[in-house]
Each structure stands twice: as structure tokens, then as C-alpha cells.
Amino acid sequence: MIRPAGARANAVVLVLSGTVAAVHAERSGREVWPQQWVGPAIADKPAVLDGGSASTGLLAVTVAAVRLLPATGFLRLLHEQHSVREHVLRQLARDVIAGRQRLAQAVTLPATARIAAWLNAQDPAARVAWRGSQEQLARVLGLSRVTVNRALAQLTGVGAVRLTSRGIVIADRERLDNLTAGS
């Protein structure tokens, strides 16, 4: 745990390598990971900019190298360095747009189509679309592990993905598109 939920976000987390997730724990103990950062990245900028307590915790979900940049230094960089400010604003805009899309998919698509859309949105140049466990993918998408398991069985059955020891490999991107569009 890098920072627990409810703690003041007094520094941005510079993710040099590895993966860090924002973690929201439900009262039942179930975790949802509404956002992830894969290094190199700056994690949880909105919490620092807001200046209050963060509603989510930050958790290293893989081995990660991170550095903390105090809020005062981050804010000074934004104020003094035009290129840093431009980069941060662009990334914040991308994060908001991606969040809107995830929300729309969560309320309009069945689980299999949501997983197909999420996998298809991953880096097309990467051979493996997801390297984590099915439990971790469930946390990212706000689904149960059983639901993810069943959906992946369907996606495997139609030849859209392959489950390998290295992770989930996209076998047919067009099939994933069709499964998302046909919902």
C-alpha cells in the first residue's frame, strides 16, 4: 500500500516502473481498481490538485519503483513549466474521457462485451493484452472473478482471445469489435 484511502494526498506518485492502482474498498471487503498507472506515469494528480483527502488508496499491484514528489514541488512545476502543465492537462483530459467511457460501458454493456471492449482498447502493439490474474481484471472492471472467468471462456470459445501462461492474448481483434458492437 502506497497510500491508504482517506489519507491526505500530499505528494504525487511518480511511477518509474511497474503498475500502481487506485483502490476503492467496499464495506464487504471487495476491492475495485477504478484507475491504473503503468510506469512511467504520474499517479493520482487530481487528489493532489484537489488538496484534500484522497477517496481511494494507492496500491502497487506489481513490483514497482516509485518516487514521491511533494505537492508543493508538483504545483511549482505546473506553474513554472509550460510543457509540464500542458502534459498534465492533456493527461487529465484523457483520464476524464476514458472514465466517461468506462462508466458508459459499465451501465450499457453486458459483462462479456465490457471485457471485450476493455481488452480491445489495450495497446494494439502489445502481444499480451492483460498480464494480471482474472481476480485483478475483475477489480479493474468492477466485476466478480466468476463473471470474468465465464466471459473469458466465451471469448476463448469464439476465438477472440487465448488464455496463456503469460496472460490474455488477443487472437482476433475484429471479433472483439463485433462482440462489443453486437451487444
N, C-alpha and C. Protein backbone atom coordinates (compact mmCIF):
# COMPACT_ATOMS: atom_id res chain seq x y z
N MET A 1 0.85 -1.17 0.00
CA MET A 1 0.00 0.00 0.00
C MET A 1 0.90 1.24 0.00
N ILE A 2 0.72 2.09 -0.98
CA ILE A 2 1.50 3.32 -1.06
C ILE A 2 0.84 4.41 -0.24
N ARG A 3 -0.47 4.49 -0.35
CA ARG A 3 -1.22 5.46 0.44
C ARG A 3 -2.62 4.90 0.69
N PRO A 4 -3.07 4.88 1.96
CA PRO A 4 -4.41 4.36 2.24
C PRO A 4 -5.49 5.36 1.83
N ALA A 5 -6.68 4.85 1.57
CA ALA A 5 -7.83 5.72 1.28
C ALA A 5 -8.08 6.61 2.48
N GLY A 6 -8.47 7.84 2.20
CA GLY A 6 -8.76 8.79 3.27
C GLY A 6 -7.57 9.59 3.73
N ALA A 7 -6.37 9.17 3.35
CA ALA A 7 -5.16 9.91 3.73
C ALA A 7 -5.02 11.15 2.84
N ARG A 8 -4.43 12.17 3.38
CA ARG A 8 -4.20 13.39 2.61
C ARG A 8 -3.19 13.09 1.49
N ALA A 9 -3.52 13.54 0.29
CA ALA A 9 -2.63 13.36 -0.86
C ALA A 9 -1.65 14.52 -0.89
N ASN A 10 -0.57 14.38 -0.14
CA ASN A 10 0.39 15.47 -0.04
C ASN A 10 1.58 15.33 -0.99
N ALA A 11 1.48 14.35 -1.91
CA ALA A 11 2.53 14.15 -2.92
C ALA A 11 1.94 13.38 -4.09
N VAL A 12 2.44 13.69 -5.30
CA VAL A 12 2.10 12.83 -6.44
C VAL A 12 3.07 11.66 -6.42
N VAL A 13 2.63 10.57 -6.98
CA VAL A 13 3.45 9.37 -7.03
C VAL A 13 3.99 9.25 -8.45
N LEU A 14 5.30 9.34 -8.57
CA LEU A 14 5.95 9.14 -9.86
C LEU A 14 6.21 7.64 -10.00
N VAL A 15 5.50 7.00 -10.89
CA VAL A 15 5.66 5.56 -11.11
C VAL A 15 6.75 5.40 -12.17
N LEU A 16 7.91 4.97 -11.72
CA LEU A 16 9.04 4.80 -12.64
C LEU A 16 8.92 3.50 -13.42
N SER A 17 8.46 2.45 -12.75
CA SER A 17 8.22 1.17 -13.40
C SER A 17 7.19 0.41 -12.58
N GLY A 18 6.57 -0.57 -13.20
CA GLY A 18 5.55 -1.34 -12.52
C GLY A 18 4.17 -0.73 -12.69
N THR A 19 3.21 -1.26 -11.93
CA THR A 19 1.82 -0.83 -12.03
C THR A 19 1.30 -0.46 -10.66
N VAL A 20 0.64 0.70 -10.61
CA VAL A 20 0.01 1.20 -9.39
C VAL A 20 -1.47 1.39 -9.70
N ALA A 21 -2.33 1.03 -8.76
CA ALA A 21 -3.77 1.17 -8.95
C ALA A 21 -4.38 2.02 -7.85
N ALA A 22 -5.41 2.78 -8.23
CA ALA A 22 -6.26 3.43 -7.25
C ALA A 22 -7.17 2.33 -6.72
N VAL A 23 -7.34 2.25 -5.40
CA VAL A 23 -8.10 1.16 -4.80
C VAL A 23 -9.25 1.73 -3.99
N HIS A 24 -10.45 1.24 -4.30
CA HIS A 24 -11.64 1.58 -3.52
C HIS A 24 -12.14 0.28 -2.90
N ALA A 25 -12.23 0.25 -1.58
CA ALA A 25 -12.71 -0.96 -0.89
C ALA A 25 -14.15 -0.74 -0.46
N GLU A 26 -15.01 -1.69 -0.83
CA GLU A 26 -16.40 -1.64 -0.40
C GLU A 26 -16.49 -2.15 1.03
N ARG A 27 -17.59 -1.88 1.68
CA ARG A 27 -17.78 -2.35 3.07
C ARG A 27 -17.68 -3.86 3.18
N SER A 28 -18.05 -4.55 2.11
CA SER A 28 -17.99 -6.01 2.11
C SER A 28 -16.55 -6.52 2.04
N GLY A 29 -15.60 -5.61 1.75
CA GLY A 29 -14.21 -6.01 1.60
C GLY A 29 -13.79 -6.16 0.15
N ARG A 30 -14.76 -6.19 -0.75
CA ARG A 30 -14.46 -6.29 -2.18
C ARG A 30 -13.75 -5.02 -2.64
N GLU A 31 -12.71 -5.19 -3.46
CA GLU A 31 -11.95 -4.06 -3.97
C GLU A 31 -12.28 -3.80 -5.43
N VAL A 32 -12.29 -2.52 -5.79
CA VAL A 32 -12.42 -2.09 -7.17
C VAL A 32 -11.22 -1.20 -7.46
N TRP A 33 -10.63 -1.37 -8.62
CA TRP A 33 -9.49 -0.56 -9.02
C TRP A 33 -9.94 0.37 -10.15
N PRO A 34 -10.46 1.56 -9.84
CA PRO A 34 -11.02 2.42 -10.88
C PRO A 34 -9.99 3.02 -11.84
N GLN A 35 -8.73 3.01 -11.48
CA GLN A 35 -7.71 3.54 -12.38
C GLN A 35 -6.37 2.86 -12.09
N GLN A 36 -5.59 2.71 -13.14
CA GLN A 36 -4.25 2.14 -13.02
C GLN A 36 -3.26 3.02 -13.77
N TRP A 37 -2.03 2.99 -13.31
CA TRP A 37 -0.94 3.69 -13.98
C TRP A 37 0.20 2.71 -14.16
N VAL A 38 0.71 2.62 -15.37
CA VAL A 38 1.85 1.77 -15.68
C VAL A 38 3.02 2.71 -15.96
N GLY A 39 4.12 2.51 -15.21
CA GLY A 39 5.26 3.40 -15.33
C GLY A 39 5.87 3.39 -16.70
N PRO A 40 6.36 4.52 -17.13
CA PRO A 40 6.46 5.79 -16.39
C PRO A 40 5.14 6.56 -16.43
N ALA A 41 4.72 7.04 -15.27
CA ALA A 41 3.46 7.79 -15.16
C ALA A 41 3.46 8.60 -13.86
N ILE A 42 2.57 9.56 -13.81
CA ILE A 42 2.34 10.33 -12.59
C ILE A 42 0.97 9.91 -12.07
N ALA A 43 0.95 9.27 -10.92
CA ALA A 43 -0.30 8.74 -10.37
C ALA A 43 -1.01 9.75 -9.47
N ASP A 44 -2.31 9.76 -9.59
CA ASP A 44 -3.22 10.45 -8.68
C ASP A 44 -3.05 11.97 -8.66
N LYS A 45 -2.85 12.55 -9.82
CA LYS A 45 -2.74 14.01 -9.91
C LYS A 45 -3.97 14.73 -9.38
N PRO A 46 -5.20 14.27 -9.68
CA PRO A 46 -6.38 15.01 -9.20
C PRO A 46 -6.43 15.12 -7.68
N ALA A 47 -6.02 14.09 -6.96
CA ALA A 47 -6.07 14.13 -5.50
C ALA A 47 -5.14 15.22 -4.96
N VAL A 48 -3.98 15.36 -5.56
CA VAL A 48 -3.03 16.39 -5.13
C VAL A 48 -3.56 17.77 -5.50
N LEU A 49 -4.08 17.90 -6.71
CA LEU A 49 -4.61 19.19 -7.14
C LEU A 49 -5.80 19.62 -6.30
N ASP A 50 -6.60 18.66 -5.86
CA ASP A 50 -7.76 18.96 -5.01
C ASP A 50 -7.33 19.44 -3.63
N GLY A 51 -6.22 18.92 -3.13
CA GLY A 51 -5.68 19.37 -1.85
C GLY A 51 -6.32 18.74 -0.64
N GLY A 52 -7.26 17.83 -0.84
CA GLY A 52 -7.93 17.20 0.30
C GLY A 52 -7.48 15.77 0.49
N SER A 53 -8.31 15.03 1.17
CA SER A 53 -8.04 13.61 1.39
C SER A 53 -8.46 12.83 0.16
N ALA A 54 -7.69 11.84 -0.17
CA ALA A 54 -7.99 11.01 -1.35
C ALA A 54 -9.06 9.99 -1.00
N SER A 55 -10.05 9.85 -1.89
CA SER A 55 -11.12 8.90 -1.64
C SER A 55 -10.70 7.46 -1.91
N THR A 56 -9.62 7.29 -2.67
CA THR A 56 -9.10 5.95 -2.95
C THR A 56 -7.68 5.84 -2.43
N GLY A 57 -7.28 4.63 -2.14
CA GLY A 57 -5.90 4.38 -1.77
C GLY A 57 -5.08 4.13 -3.03
N LEU A 58 -3.78 4.06 -2.86
CA LEU A 58 -2.89 3.71 -3.97
C LEU A 58 -2.13 2.45 -3.59
N LEU A 59 -2.14 1.48 -4.49
CA LEU A 59 -1.55 0.17 -4.23
C LEU A 59 -0.66 -0.23 -5.39
N ALA A 60 0.55 -0.70 -5.09
CA ALA A 60 1.41 -1.27 -6.12
C ALA A 60 0.89 -2.68 -6.40
N VAL A 61 0.41 -2.92 -7.62
CA VAL A 61 -0.15 -4.23 -7.94
C VAL A 61 0.86 -5.15 -8.60
N THR A 62 2.01 -4.59 -8.97
CA THR A 62 3.16 -5.38 -9.41
C THR A 62 4.36 -4.79 -8.67
N VAL A 63 5.49 -5.40 -8.82
CA VAL A 63 6.71 -4.80 -8.28
C VAL A 63 6.85 -3.45 -8.98
N ALA A 64 7.00 -2.41 -8.20
CA ALA A 64 7.03 -1.06 -8.77
C ALA A 64 8.12 -0.23 -8.13
N ALA A 65 8.73 0.62 -8.94
CA ALA A 65 9.66 1.63 -8.43
C ALA A 65 8.92 2.96 -8.49
N VAL A 66 8.78 3.61 -7.33
CA VAL A 66 8.05 4.87 -7.28
C VAL A 66 8.86 5.90 -6.50
N ARG A 67 8.59 7.15 -6.78
CA ARG A 67 9.15 8.27 -6.04
C ARG A 67 8.01 9.22 -5.71
N LEU A 68 8.10 9.88 -4.60
CA LEU A 68 7.08 10.85 -4.22
C LEU A 68 7.60 12.25 -4.52
N LEU A 69 6.75 13.04 -5.17
CA LEU A 69 7.06 14.45 -5.43
C LEU A 69 6.07 15.25 -4.59
N PRO A 70 6.55 15.96 -3.57
CA PRO A 70 5.64 16.72 -2.70
C PRO A 70 4.73 17.64 -3.52
N ALA A 71 3.53 17.84 -3.02
CA ALA A 71 2.53 18.67 -3.71
C ALA A 71 3.08 20.05 -4.03
N THR A 72 3.83 20.64 -3.11
CA THR A 72 4.37 21.99 -3.37
C THR A 72 5.30 21.99 -4.58
N GLY A 73 6.13 20.97 -4.71
CA GLY A 73 7.02 20.87 -5.86
C GLY A 73 6.26 20.62 -7.15
N PHE A 74 5.25 19.77 -7.09
CA PHE A 74 4.42 19.48 -8.26
C PHE A 74 3.69 20.74 -8.72
N LEU A 75 3.09 21.46 -7.77
CA LEU A 75 2.37 22.69 -8.12
C LEU A 75 3.31 23.76 -8.67
N ARG A 76 4.51 23.82 -8.13
CA ARG A 76 5.51 24.77 -8.64
C ARG A 76 5.89 24.41 -10.08
N LEU A 77 6.09 23.13 -10.34
CA LEU A 77 6.38 22.69 -11.71
C LEU A 77 5.26 23.08 -12.67
N LEU A 78 4.02 22.87 -12.26
CA LEU A 78 2.88 23.23 -13.11
C LEU A 78 2.86 24.73 -13.38
N HIS A 79 3.18 25.51 -12.38
CA HIS A 79 3.15 26.97 -12.51
C HIS A 79 4.29 27.49 -13.38
N GLU A 80 5.47 26.93 -13.21
CA GLU A 80 6.67 27.47 -13.85
C GLU A 80 7.00 26.84 -15.20
N GLN A 81 6.60 25.60 -15.41
CA GLN A 81 6.99 24.89 -16.63
C GLN A 81 5.78 24.66 -17.53
N HIS A 82 5.71 25.45 -18.57
CA HIS A 82 4.58 25.38 -19.51
C HIS A 82 4.41 23.96 -20.07
N SER A 83 5.51 23.31 -20.45
CA SER A 83 5.42 21.98 -21.06
C SER A 83 4.88 20.95 -20.07
N VAL A 84 5.24 21.06 -18.80
CA VAL A 84 4.72 20.14 -17.78
C VAL A 84 3.23 20.37 -17.59
N ARG A 85 2.83 21.64 -17.51
CA ARG A 85 1.41 21.98 -17.35
C ARG A 85 0.60 21.44 -18.52
N GLU A 86 1.10 21.65 -19.74
CA GLU A 86 0.39 21.15 -20.94
C GLU A 86 0.25 19.63 -20.89
N HIS A 87 1.34 18.95 -20.54
CA HIS A 87 1.30 17.48 -20.46
C HIS A 87 0.28 17.01 -19.43
N VAL A 88 0.31 17.59 -18.25
CA VAL A 88 -0.60 17.18 -17.18
C VAL A 88 -2.05 17.45 -17.57
N LEU A 89 -2.33 18.60 -18.16
CA LEU A 89 -3.71 18.91 -18.58
C LEU A 89 -4.19 17.95 -19.66
N ARG A 90 -3.31 17.62 -20.62
CA ARG A 90 -3.69 16.65 -21.66
C ARG A 90 -4.00 15.29 -21.05
N GLN A 91 -3.14 14.86 -20.11
CA GLN A 91 -3.36 13.56 -19.49
C GLN A 91 -4.62 13.54 -18.64
N LEU A 92 -4.88 14.62 -17.91
CA LEU A 92 -6.12 14.71 -17.13
C LEU A 92 -7.34 14.64 -18.05
N ALA A 93 -7.28 15.31 -19.20
CA ALA A 93 -8.38 15.25 -20.16
C ALA A 93 -8.59 13.82 -20.66
N ARG A 94 -7.49 13.14 -20.99
CA ARG A 94 -7.60 11.74 -21.44
C ARG A 94 -8.21 10.86 -20.35
N ASP A 95 -7.79 11.09 -19.10
CA ASP A 95 -8.32 10.30 -17.99
C ASP A 95 -9.82 10.52 -17.82
N VAL A 96 -10.27 11.76 -17.95
CA VAL A 96 -11.71 12.06 -17.81
C VAL A 96 -12.49 11.39 -18.93
N ILE A 97 -12.00 11.50 -20.16
CA ILE A 97 -12.69 10.88 -21.30
C ILE A 97 -12.75 9.37 -21.14
N ALA A 98 -11.63 8.76 -20.72
CA ALA A 98 -11.61 7.30 -20.51
C ALA A 98 -12.55 6.90 -19.39
N GLY A 99 -12.61 7.70 -18.32
CA GLY A 99 -13.53 7.42 -17.22
C GLY A 99 -14.98 7.48 -17.66
N ARG A 100 -15.31 8.45 -18.49
CA ARG A 100 -16.68 8.54 -19.02
C ARG A 100 -17.02 7.32 -19.85
N GLN A 101 -16.06 6.89 -20.66
CA GLN A 101 -16.30 5.71 -21.49
C GLN A 101 -16.50 4.47 -20.63
N ARG A 102 -15.65 4.30 -19.60
CA ARG A 102 -15.80 3.13 -18.71
C ARG A 102 -17.16 3.16 -18.01
N LEU A 103 -17.60 4.33 -17.57
CA LEU A 103 -18.90 4.45 -16.91
C LEU A 103 -20.02 4.08 -17.87
N ALA A 104 -19.97 4.61 -19.09
CA ALA A 104 -20.99 4.30 -20.09
C ALA A 104 -21.03 2.81 -20.38
N GLN A 105 -19.87 2.19 -20.52
CA GLN A 105 -19.82 0.76 -20.78
C GLN A 105 -20.34 -0.04 -19.60
N ALA A 106 -20.04 0.42 -18.39
CA ALA A 106 -20.49 -0.31 -17.19
C ALA A 106 -22.00 -0.37 -17.10
N VAL A 107 -22.67 0.67 -17.57
CA VAL A 107 -24.13 0.68 -17.44
C VAL A 107 -24.86 0.24 -18.70
N THR A 108 -24.14 0.11 -19.82
CA THR A 108 -24.84 -0.24 -21.06
C THR A 108 -24.44 -1.58 -21.67
N LEU A 109 -23.28 -2.10 -21.31
CA LEU A 109 -22.82 -3.33 -21.94
C LEU A 109 -22.88 -4.51 -20.98
N PRO A 110 -23.26 -5.69 -21.49
CA PRO A 110 -23.13 -6.89 -20.67
C PRO A 110 -21.66 -7.18 -20.38
N ALA A 111 -21.40 -7.99 -19.39
CA ALA A 111 -20.03 -8.23 -18.92
C ALA A 111 -19.09 -8.71 -20.03
N THR A 112 -19.53 -9.64 -20.86
CA THR A 112 -18.64 -10.16 -21.91
C THR A 112 -18.26 -9.05 -22.88
N ALA A 113 -19.21 -8.22 -23.25
CA ALA A 113 -18.92 -7.11 -24.16
C ALA A 113 -18.02 -6.07 -23.49
N ARG A 114 -18.22 -5.83 -22.20
CA ARG A 114 -17.34 -4.89 -21.48
C ARG A 114 -15.90 -5.38 -21.48
N ILE A 115 -15.73 -6.66 -21.21
CA ILE A 115 -14.38 -7.23 -21.19
C ILE A 115 -13.78 -7.19 -22.59
N ALA A 116 -14.57 -7.52 -23.60
CA ALA A 116 -14.09 -7.46 -24.98
C ALA A 116 -13.65 -6.05 -25.34
N ALA A 117 -14.46 -5.06 -24.97
CA ALA A 117 -14.13 -3.66 -25.27
C ALA A 117 -12.86 -3.23 -24.53
N TRP A 118 -12.76 -3.62 -23.27
CA TRP A 118 -11.58 -3.24 -22.48
C TRP A 118 -10.31 -3.86 -23.05
N LEU A 119 -10.37 -5.15 -23.36
CA LEU A 119 -9.20 -5.82 -23.93
C LEU A 119 -8.82 -5.21 -25.27
N ASN A 120 -9.83 -4.90 -26.08
CA ASN A 120 -9.56 -4.35 -27.40
C ASN A 120 -8.96 -2.94 -27.32
N ALA A 121 -9.22 -2.24 -26.22
CA ALA A 121 -8.69 -0.88 -26.05
C ALA A 121 -7.23 -0.88 -25.57
N GLN A 122 -6.71 -2.03 -25.19
CA GLN A 122 -5.33 -2.09 -24.73
C GLN A 122 -4.39 -1.90 -25.90
N ASP A 123 -3.15 -1.61 -25.62
CA ASP A 123 -2.14 -1.32 -26.63
C ASP A 123 -2.14 -2.38 -27.73
N PRO A 124 -2.50 -2.00 -28.97
CA PRO A 124 -2.55 -2.98 -30.04
C PRO A 124 -1.17 -3.54 -30.41
N ALA A 125 -0.11 -2.83 -30.04
CA ALA A 125 1.24 -3.31 -30.36
C ALA A 125 1.70 -4.38 -29.37
N ALA A 126 1.06 -4.43 -28.21
CA ALA A 126 1.46 -5.41 -27.19
C ALA A 126 0.89 -6.78 -27.54
N ARG A 127 1.72 -7.79 -27.43
CA ARG A 127 1.27 -9.16 -27.73
C ARG A 127 0.27 -9.63 -26.68
N VAL A 128 0.52 -9.33 -25.43
CA VAL A 128 -0.35 -9.76 -24.34
C VAL A 128 -1.16 -8.55 -23.88
N ALA A 129 -2.49 -8.66 -23.93
CA ALA A 129 -3.37 -7.54 -23.56
C ALA A 129 -3.50 -7.39 -22.05
N TRP A 130 -3.40 -8.50 -21.31
CA TRP A 130 -3.53 -8.45 -19.85
C TRP A 130 -2.62 -9.49 -19.24
N ARG A 131 -1.75 -9.06 -18.32
CA ARG A 131 -0.79 -9.97 -17.69
C ARG A 131 -1.18 -10.34 -16.26
N GLY A 132 -2.19 -9.71 -15.72
CA GLY A 132 -2.58 -9.99 -14.34
C GLY A 132 -3.50 -11.18 -14.24
N SER A 133 -3.98 -11.41 -13.03
CA SER A 133 -4.90 -12.52 -12.78
C SER A 133 -6.32 -12.13 -13.18
N GLN A 134 -7.20 -13.13 -13.24
CA GLN A 134 -8.61 -12.86 -13.50
C GLN A 134 -9.22 -12.07 -12.35
N GLU A 135 -8.77 -12.31 -11.14
CA GLU A 135 -9.24 -11.55 -9.97
C GLU A 135 -8.87 -10.07 -10.13
N GLN A 136 -7.65 -9.81 -10.57
CA GLN A 136 -7.23 -8.41 -10.77
C GLN A 136 -8.02 -7.75 -11.89
N LEU A 137 -8.27 -8.47 -12.97
CA LEU A 137 -9.07 -7.93 -14.07
C LEU A 137 -10.48 -7.63 -13.57
N ALA A 138 -11.02 -8.49 -12.73
CA ALA A 138 -12.34 -8.24 -12.15
C ALA A 138 -12.34 -6.95 -11.35
N ARG A 139 -11.27 -6.70 -10.60
CA ARG A 139 -11.18 -5.46 -9.81
C ARG A 139 -11.10 -4.24 -10.72
N VAL A 140 -10.37 -4.34 -11.81
CA VAL A 140 -10.25 -3.22 -12.75
C VAL A 140 -11.61 -2.88 -13.35
N LEU A 141 -12.39 -3.90 -13.67
CA LEU A 141 -13.67 -3.69 -14.35
C LEU A 141 -14.87 -3.64 -13.41
N GLY A 142 -14.65 -3.84 -12.12
CA GLY A 142 -15.75 -3.80 -11.17
C GLY A 142 -16.70 -4.98 -11.32
N LEU A 143 -16.16 -6.13 -11.67
CA LEU A 143 -16.95 -7.35 -11.85
C LEU A 143 -16.48 -8.40 -10.86
N SER A 144 -17.21 -9.50 -10.77
CA SER A 144 -16.74 -10.60 -9.93
C SER A 144 -15.77 -11.46 -10.73
N ARG A 145 -14.92 -12.20 -10.02
CA ARG A 145 -13.98 -13.09 -10.69
C ARG A 145 -14.72 -14.15 -11.49
N VAL A 146 -15.83 -14.65 -10.95
CA VAL A 146 -16.62 -15.67 -11.64
C VAL A 146 -17.16 -15.11 -12.96
N THR A 147 -17.65 -13.88 -12.95
CA THR A 147 -18.17 -13.25 -14.16
C THR A 147 -17.05 -13.11 -15.20
N VAL A 148 -15.88 -12.67 -14.76
CA VAL A 148 -14.74 -12.54 -15.68
C VAL A 148 -14.36 -13.90 -16.24
N ASN A 149 -14.33 -14.91 -15.40
CA ASN A 149 -13.98 -16.27 -15.84
C ASN A 149 -14.95 -16.76 -16.91
N ARG A 150 -16.24 -16.57 -16.68
CA ARG A 150 -17.25 -17.01 -17.65
C ARG A 150 -17.14 -16.24 -18.96
N ALA A 151 -16.93 -14.93 -18.85
CA ALA A 151 -16.81 -14.10 -20.06
C ALA A 151 -15.58 -14.50 -20.87
N LEU A 152 -14.47 -14.74 -20.18
CA LEU A 152 -13.25 -15.15 -20.88
C LEU A 152 -13.43 -16.51 -21.55
N ALA A 153 -14.19 -17.38 -20.92
CA ALA A 153 -14.49 -18.68 -21.55
C ALA A 153 -15.27 -18.47 -22.84
N GLN A 154 -16.23 -17.53 -22.83
CA GLN A 154 -16.99 -17.22 -24.05
C GLN A 154 -16.07 -16.62 -25.12
N LEU A 155 -15.23 -15.67 -24.71
CA LEU A 155 -14.33 -15.03 -25.67
C LEU A 155 -13.33 -16.02 -26.25
N THR A 156 -12.88 -16.95 -25.43
CA THR A 156 -11.97 -18.00 -25.90
C THR A 156 -12.71 -18.94 -26.85
N GLY A 157 -13.95 -19.28 -26.49
CA GLY A 157 -14.75 -20.20 -27.30
C GLY A 157 -15.01 -19.70 -28.72
N VAL A 158 -15.13 -18.40 -28.90
CA VAL A 158 -15.37 -17.85 -30.24
C VAL A 158 -14.06 -17.46 -30.94
N GLY A 159 -12.93 -17.71 -30.29
CA GLY A 159 -11.63 -17.46 -30.91
C GLY A 159 -11.17 -16.01 -30.86
N ALA A 160 -11.78 -15.19 -29.99
CA ALA A 160 -11.38 -13.78 -29.90
C ALA A 160 -10.12 -13.60 -29.08
N VAL A 161 -9.95 -14.42 -28.03
CA VAL A 161 -8.76 -14.33 -27.17
C VAL A 161 -8.23 -15.73 -26.89
N ARG A 162 -6.99 -15.77 -26.42
CA ARG A 162 -6.37 -17.01 -25.94
C ARG A 162 -5.86 -16.75 -24.54
N LEU A 163 -6.06 -17.70 -23.66
CA LEU A 163 -5.51 -17.60 -22.31
C LEU A 163 -4.21 -18.39 -22.29
N THR A 164 -3.12 -17.71 -21.95
CA THR A 164 -1.81 -18.35 -21.93
C THR A 164 -1.19 -18.16 -20.56
N SER A 165 -0.07 -18.80 -20.35
CA SER A 165 0.64 -18.64 -19.07
C SER A 165 1.16 -17.22 -18.90
N ARG A 166 1.30 -16.47 -20.00
CA ARG A 166 1.78 -15.09 -19.93
C ARG A 166 0.64 -14.10 -19.74
N GLY A 167 -0.61 -14.53 -19.98
CA GLY A 167 -1.76 -13.64 -19.82
C GLY A 167 -2.79 -13.84 -20.91
N ILE A 168 -3.61 -12.82 -21.13
CA ILE A 168 -4.66 -12.87 -22.13
C ILE A 168 -4.12 -12.26 -23.42
N VAL A 169 -4.15 -13.07 -24.48
CA VAL A 169 -3.66 -12.65 -25.79
C VAL A 169 -4.86 -12.45 -26.71
N ILE A 170 -4.88 -11.34 -27.42
CA ILE A 170 -5.96 -11.11 -28.39
C ILE A 170 -5.65 -11.91 -29.64
N ALA A 171 -6.55 -12.82 -29.98
CA ALA A 171 -6.38 -13.67 -31.15
C ALA A 171 -7.04 -13.06 -32.38
N ASP A 172 -8.15 -12.33 -32.16
CA ASP A 172 -8.89 -11.76 -33.29
C ASP A 172 -9.55 -10.45 -32.85
N ARG A 173 -8.89 -9.35 -33.16
CA ARG A 173 -9.36 -8.02 -32.76
C ARG A 173 -10.73 -7.70 -33.40
N GLU A 174 -10.94 -8.14 -34.62
CA GLU A 174 -12.21 -7.89 -35.30
C GLU A 174 -13.37 -8.58 -34.57
N ARG A 175 -13.13 -9.80 -34.09
CA ARG A 175 -14.16 -10.50 -33.32
C ARG A 175 -14.49 -9.74 -32.04
N LEU A 176 -13.44 -9.20 -31.37
CA LEU A 176 -13.69 -8.41 -30.17
C LEU A 176 -14.55 -7.19 -30.50
N ASP A 177 -14.24 -6.52 -31.61
CA ASP A 177 -15.05 -5.38 -32.06
C ASP A 177 -16.51 -5.79 -32.28
N ASN A 178 -16.69 -6.91 -32.96
CA ASN A 178 -18.06 -7.39 -33.25
C ASN A 178 -18.81 -7.75 -31.98
N LEU A 179 -18.12 -8.34 -31.03
CA LEU A 179 -18.79 -8.70 -29.77
C LEU A 179 -19.21 -7.45 -28.99
N THR A 180 -18.41 -6.41 -29.07
CA THR A 180 -18.75 -5.17 -28.40
C THR A 180 -19.90 -4.47 -29.11
N ALA A 181 -19.83 -4.40 -30.44
CA ALA A 181 -20.85 -3.70 -31.22
C ALA A 181 -22.17 -4.44 -31.24
N GLY A 182 -22.12 -5.77 -31.15
CA GLY A 182 -23.34 -6.58 -31.26
C GLY A 182 -24.12 -6.68 -29.98
N SER A 183 -23.69 -6.01 -28.92
CA SER A 183 -24.36 -6.12 -27.64
C SER A 183 -25.64 -5.32 -27.60
